């Protein structure tokens, strides 16, 4: 097999990969625009066409990279953080979302460490399409292991998309409130997302607006929370529809960003800085 043939095959594979990501991302934005049109009528803020086009292209790249990382993460077994007995910052546990694994955090970990995070850990909740309640039990085990090995008093949680729901269920239903200092959610459908109807698995049904799971999780939403909650959302999210469903009541800090796709958040230094600022407080 000649080197030229291998190069051609690889080039075609990359082209097909990006073609798929282009179609996937375009379809998600079109669906988000249709399903979220009622929410947009309520806002007077207009998106800038140039920024919209740019973010669409960036989201395609983010989707391609994220899906690649998710695909190879299990095989590569990304190196875990080394644990030091000298804990100077509260350990951080990163929780991936729907149909994802720890691979999605590769770049975000570097961003957090660059900002001063000393102990960053990840988890692979399995199965990716399983019940959120079962996935939260795995987070409980991970938190206990981190506290045991580091000697820290608490852990901070960061969840992307469904990962935020997993974190909340652990805190509110599995005794995590006494072990967690802060919980930051990125594009988390706290009140569901209409697009989840298209996804397979128990958790997809749980994320549909009005589901019994969400009703149970949010029944005490307005009560002041022991754990610091921060919900960071994008008004341009192509997976969280309507994007306002990320807003959580009570004493939650809700932060809205513009012109940022659902997966782009994982590679944004601006998002990482917001996360770290809220974890340090």
Protein backbone atom coordinates (compact mmCIF):
# COMPACT_ATOMS: atom_id res chain seq x y z
CA UNK A 1 0.00 0.00 0.00
CA UNK A 2 1.58 3.25 -1.18
CA UNK A 3 1.88 6.35 1.00
CA UNK A 4 -0.04 8.31 -1.63
CA UNK A 5 -3.00 5.95 -1.38
CA UNK A 6 -3.04 6.22 2.43
CA UNK A 7 -2.97 10.03 2.23
CA UNK A 8 -5.88 10.06 -0.24
CA UNK A 9 -7.93 7.71 1.96
CA UNK A 10 -7.24 9.82 5.04
CA UNK A 11 -8.12 13.00 3.16
CA UNK A 12 -11.43 11.53 1.99
CA UNK A 13 -12.19 10.28 5.51
CA UNK A 14 -11.61 13.75 6.94
CA UNK A 15 -13.80 15.30 4.23
CA UNK A 16 -16.61 12.84 4.96
CA UNK A 17 -16.25 13.49 8.69
CA UNK A 18 -16.57 17.25 8.25
CA UNK A 19 -19.42 16.81 5.77
CA UNK A 20 -21.30 14.82 8.40
CA UNK A 21 -20.57 17.46 11.06
CA UNK A 22 -21.72 20.20 8.68
CA UNK A 23 -25.05 18.44 8.11
CA UNK A 24 -25.44 17.57 11.80
CA UNK A 25 -24.72 21.11 12.98
CA UNK A 26 -26.87 22.73 10.29
CA UNK A 27 -29.79 20.45 11.16
CA UNK A 28 -29.44 21.21 14.88
CA UNK A 29 -29.44 24.98 14.31
CA UNK A 30 -32.43 24.77 11.97
CA UNK A 31 -34.35 22.71 14.53
CA UNK A 32 -33.33 25.10 17.30
CA UNK A 33 -34.51 28.07 15.21
CA UNK A 34 -37.89 26.46 14.53
CA UNK A 35 -38.52 25.13 18.03
CA UNK A 36 -37.19 28.22 19.78
CA UNK A 37 -38.93 30.86 17.68
CA UNK A 38 -41.45 31.64 20.43
CA UNK A 39 -38.66 32.51 22.87
CA UNK A 40 -36.92 34.76 20.36
CA UNK A 41 -40.12 36.77 19.81
CA UNK A 42 -39.94 37.81 23.46
CA UNK A 43 -36.48 39.36 23.16
CA UNK A 44 -35.61 42.61 21.43
CA UNK A 45 -31.94 41.72 21.09
CA UNK A 46 -30.96 40.83 17.53
CA UNK A 47 -28.16 38.47 16.59
CA UNK A 48 -25.51 39.86 14.27
CA UNK A 49 -25.50 37.95 10.93
CA UNK A 50 -21.71 38.01 10.68
CA UNK A 51 -21.28 36.65 14.19
CA UNK A 52 -23.97 34.05 13.55
CA UNK A 53 -22.14 32.75 10.48
CA UNK A 54 -18.81 32.75 12.29
CA UNK A 55 -20.21 30.88 15.29
CA UNK A 56 -21.89 28.37 12.98
CA UNK A 57 -18.50 27.58 11.43
CA UNK A 58 -16.85 27.42 14.86
CA UNK A 59 -19.56 25.07 16.13
CA UNK A 60 -18.94 22.74 13.17
CA UNK A 61 -15.28 22.56 14.17
CA UNK A 62 -16.19 22.09 17.84
CA UNK A 63 -18.62 19.31 16.93
CA UNK A 64 -16.05 17.54 14.75
CA UNK A 65 -13.39 17.73 17.46
CA UNK A 66 -15.75 16.74 20.27
CA UNK A 67 -17.16 13.73 18.45
CA UNK A 68 -13.62 12.66 17.58
CA UNK A 69 -12.56 12.93 21.22
CA UNK A 70 -15.63 11.01 22.37
CA UNK A 71 -14.91 8.30 19.80
CA UNK A 72 -11.24 7.80 20.72
CA UNK A 73 -11.42 8.63 24.45
CA UNK A 74 -12.33 5.09 25.50
CA UNK A 75 -9.51 3.60 23.47
CA UNK A 76 -6.84 6.09 24.50
CA UNK A 77 -7.80 6.16 28.19
CA UNK A 78 -6.74 9.76 28.70
CA UNK A 79 -4.27 10.10 31.51
CA UNK A 80 -5.88 10.90 34.85
CA UNK A 81 -4.70 13.77 37.02
CA UNK A 82 -1.95 12.93 39.47
CA UNK A 83 -3.15 13.33 43.04
CA UNK A 84 -1.01 15.31 45.48
CA UNK A 85 -1.48 15.28 49.24
CA UNK A 86 -0.94 19.04 49.24
CA UNK A 87 -4.39 20.30 48.23
CA UNK A 88 -4.27 24.07 47.81
CA UNK A 89 -7.48 24.40 45.78
CA UNK A 90 -10.78 22.55 46.04
CA UNK A 91 -10.74 19.53 43.69
CA UNK A 92 -12.90 19.87 40.59
CA UNK A 93 -14.85 17.00 39.04
CA UNK A 94 -15.93 17.46 35.40
CA UNK A 95 -19.07 15.59 34.34
CA UNK A 96 -19.81 15.08 30.61
CA UNK A 97 -23.28 15.20 29.11
CA UNK A 98 -25.49 13.15 26.82
CA UNK A 99 -23.64 10.58 24.70
CA UNK A 100 -20.29 11.95 25.87
CA UNK A 101 -17.36 10.83 27.98
CA UNK A 102 -14.31 12.35 29.68
CA UNK A 103 -12.69 12.93 26.30
CA UNK A 104 -14.69 16.13 25.78
CA UNK A 105 -12.83 17.81 28.66
CA UNK A 106 -9.28 17.50 27.27
CA UNK A 107 -8.97 21.17 26.30
CA UNK A 108 -11.12 22.52 29.12
CA UNK A 109 -8.83 20.85 31.67
CA UNK A 110 -5.86 22.70 30.19
CA UNK A 111 -7.78 25.99 30.37
CA UNK A 112 -8.68 25.44 34.03
CA UNK A 113 -5.15 24.46 34.97
CA UNK A 114 -3.85 27.54 33.23
CA UNK A 115 -6.13 29.62 35.47
CA UNK A 116 -4.85 27.97 38.64
CA UNK A 117 -6.88 24.79 39.17
CA UNK A 118 -4.60 22.26 40.84
CA UNK A 119 -6.82 19.20 41.05
CA UNK A 120 -9.08 18.49 38.06
CA UNK A 121 -10.73 15.09 37.74
CA UNK A 122 -13.08 13.57 35.17
CA UNK A 123 -15.60 10.74 35.07
CA UNK A 124 -17.17 8.48 32.46
CA UNK A 125 -20.81 7.92 33.51
CA UNK A 126 -22.00 4.73 31.80
CA UNK A 127 -24.03 3.92 29.86
CA UNK A 128 -24.12 7.26 28.04
CA UNK A 129 -27.85 6.85 27.38
CA UNK A 130 -28.75 5.56 30.85
CA UNK A 131 -31.01 6.85 33.60
CA UNK A 132 -29.72 10.14 35.08
CA UNK A 133 -30.39 8.76 38.57
CA UNK A 134 -28.08 5.80 37.99
CA UNK A 135 -25.39 8.01 36.45
CA UNK A 136 -25.56 10.26 39.52
CA UNK A 137 -24.68 7.27 41.73
CA UNK A 138 -21.42 6.96 39.79
CA UNK A 139 -20.70 10.61 40.54
CA UNK A 140 -21.29 9.88 44.23
CA UNK A 141 -18.65 7.14 44.11
CA UNK A 142 -16.23 9.41 42.25
CA UNK A 143 -16.65 12.24 44.77
CA UNK A 144 -16.03 9.87 47.69
CA UNK A 145 -12.88 8.57 46.01
CA UNK A 146 -11.57 12.10 45.39
CA UNK A 147 -12.23 13.18 48.97
CA UNK A 148 -10.55 10.04 50.28
CA UNK A 149 -7.39 10.37 48.19
CA UNK A 150 -6.93 14.15 48.50
CA UNK A 151 -8.15 14.69 52.04
CA UNK A 152 -10.18 17.67 50.85
CA UNK A 153 -13.34 18.68 52.67
CA UNK A 154 -15.40 19.30 49.55
CA UNK A 155 -15.42 18.90 45.76
CA UNK A 156 -16.63 21.37 43.14
CA UNK A 157 -18.66 20.00 40.22
CA UNK A 158 -18.79 21.23 36.63
CA UNK A 159 -21.34 19.62 34.31
CA UNK A 160 -21.82 20.17 30.60
CA UNK A 161 -25.37 19.80 29.27
CA UNK A 162 -26.95 16.71 30.88
CA UNK A 163 -23.89 16.54 33.14
CA UNK A 164 -25.38 19.42 35.08
CA UNK A 165 -28.55 17.41 35.73
CA UNK A 166 -26.46 14.46 36.89
CA UNK A 167 -24.62 16.76 39.30
CA UNK A 168 -27.87 18.28 40.60
CA UNK A 169 -29.46 14.88 41.21
CA UNK A 170 -26.40 13.76 43.16
CA UNK A 171 -26.45 16.93 45.28
CA UNK A 172 -30.18 17.04 45.90
CA UNK A 173 -31.10 13.35 46.14
CA UNK A 174 -27.98 11.37 47.03
CA UNK A 175 -26.55 13.39 49.92
CA UNK A 176 -24.06 15.37 47.87
CA UNK A 177 -24.94 18.73 49.44
CA UNK A 178 -22.59 18.08 52.36
CA UNK A 179 -19.70 17.18 50.05
CA UNK A 180 -19.99 19.79 47.27
CA UNK A 181 -19.00 23.44 47.51
CA UNK A 182 -20.15 24.70 44.12
CA UNK A 183 -21.86 23.31 41.03
CA UNK A 184 -21.39 25.08 37.69
CA UNK A 185 -23.61 24.00 34.80
CA UNK A 186 -22.80 24.69 31.13
CA UNK A 187 -25.76 24.64 28.75
CA UNK A 188 -27.74 22.44 31.12
CA UNK A 189 -31.45 21.86 30.32
CA UNK A 190 -32.68 22.44 33.88
CA UNK A 191 -36.22 22.67 32.52
CA UNK A 192 -35.64 20.37 29.56
CA UNK A 193 -34.89 20.74 25.88
CA UNK A 194 -37.34 20.12 23.03
CA UNK A 195 -34.62 18.51 20.90
CA UNK A 196 -34.30 15.64 23.41
CA UNK A 197 -37.41 14.05 21.85
CA UNK A 198 -35.18 12.99 18.93
CA UNK A 199 -32.60 11.24 21.11
CA UNK A 200 -32.54 7.59 22.18
CA UNK A 201 -32.25 6.38 25.77
CA UNK A 202 -33.94 6.89 29.12
CA UNK A 203 -32.09 10.13 29.80
CA UNK A 204 -33.40 11.69 26.57
CA UNK A 205 -36.96 11.19 27.80
CA UNK A 206 -35.98 12.58 31.19
CA UNK A 207 -34.70 15.76 29.56
CA UNK A 208 -37.93 16.52 27.71
CA UNK A 209 -39.76 19.56 29.15
CA UNK A 210 -42.46 18.51 31.60
CA UNK A 211 -41.02 15.05 32.27
CA UNK A 212 -41.67 13.42 35.63
CA UNK A 213 -37.93 13.40 36.30
CA UNK A 214 -37.59 17.17 35.83
CA UNK A 215 -40.74 17.84 37.82
CA UNK A 216 -39.24 15.90 40.74
CA UNK A 217 -35.83 17.55 40.38
CA UNK A 218 -37.29 21.07 40.26
CA UNK A 219 -40.08 20.79 42.84
CA UNK A 220 -38.01 22.74 45.38
CA UNK A 221 -36.37 25.01 42.80
CA UNK A 222 -37.26 28.29 44.55
CA UNK A 223 -35.86 27.21 47.93
CA UNK A 224 -32.44 28.63 48.81
CA UNK A 225 -29.76 26.06 48.08
CA UNK A 226 -26.94 24.98 50.39
CA UNK A 227 -24.60 24.46 47.45
CA UNK A 228 -23.61 27.39 45.25
CA UNK A 229 -25.28 26.89 41.85
CA UNK A 230 -24.19 28.69 38.69
CA UNK A 231 -25.92 28.14 35.34
CA UNK A 232 -24.07 29.42 32.27
CA UNK A 233 -26.09 29.34 29.06
CA UNK A 234 -25.86 30.67 25.53
CA UNK A 235 -28.75 32.39 23.78
CA UNK A 236 -27.38 30.81 20.59
CA UNK A 237 -27.40 27.21 21.89
CA UNK A 238 -28.34 24.72 19.17
CA UNK A 239 -29.07 21.83 21.55
CA UNK A 240 -30.77 23.53 24.48
CA UNK A 241 -34.15 24.68 23.17
CA UNK A 242 -35.44 27.04 24.33
CA UNK A 243 -32.17 28.32 25.79
CA UNK A 244 -34.04 29.96 28.65
CA UNK A 245 -34.73 26.49 30.04
CA UNK A 246 -31.23 26.58 31.51
CA UNK A 247 -32.32 29.25 33.98
CA UNK A 248 -32.68 27.91 37.50
CA UNK A 249 -34.50 29.67 40.33
CA UNK A 250 -33.71 30.18 43.98
CA UNK A 251 -30.31 31.68 44.73
CA UNK A 252 -28.76 30.32 41.52
CA UNK A 253 -26.46 32.64 39.59
CA UNK A 254 -27.68 32.61 35.96
CA UNK A 255 -25.27 33.89 33.30
CA UNK A 256 -26.24 34.37 29.62
CA UNK A 257 -23.75 34.51 26.75
CA UNK A 258 -24.34 35.36 23.09
CA UNK A 259 -23.07 33.82 19.85
CA UNK A 260 -21.80 30.52 21.26
CA UNK A 261 -22.84 27.02 20.21
CA UNK A 262 -23.51 24.14 22.60
CA UNK A 263 -20.15 22.41 22.10
CA UNK A 264 -18.12 25.56 21.53
CA UNK A 265 -18.48 26.23 25.26
CA UNK A 266 -16.05 23.37 25.90
CA UNK A 267 -13.22 25.20 24.11
CA UNK A 268 -13.91 28.77 25.20
CA UNK A 269 -11.37 30.54 27.41
CA UNK A 270 -14.14 33.00 28.31
CA UNK A 271 -16.33 30.18 29.63
CA UNK A 272 -13.40 28.60 31.49
CA UNK A 273 -12.64 31.94 33.13
CA UNK A 274 -16.28 32.34 34.23
CA UNK A 275 -16.25 28.82 35.64
CA UNK A 276 -13.03 29.35 37.56
CA UNK A 277 -14.13 32.73 38.93
CA UNK A 278 -17.27 31.15 40.34
CA UNK A 279 -15.46 28.13 41.73
CA UNK A 280 -12.89 30.24 43.57
CA UNK A 281 -15.42 32.41 45.40
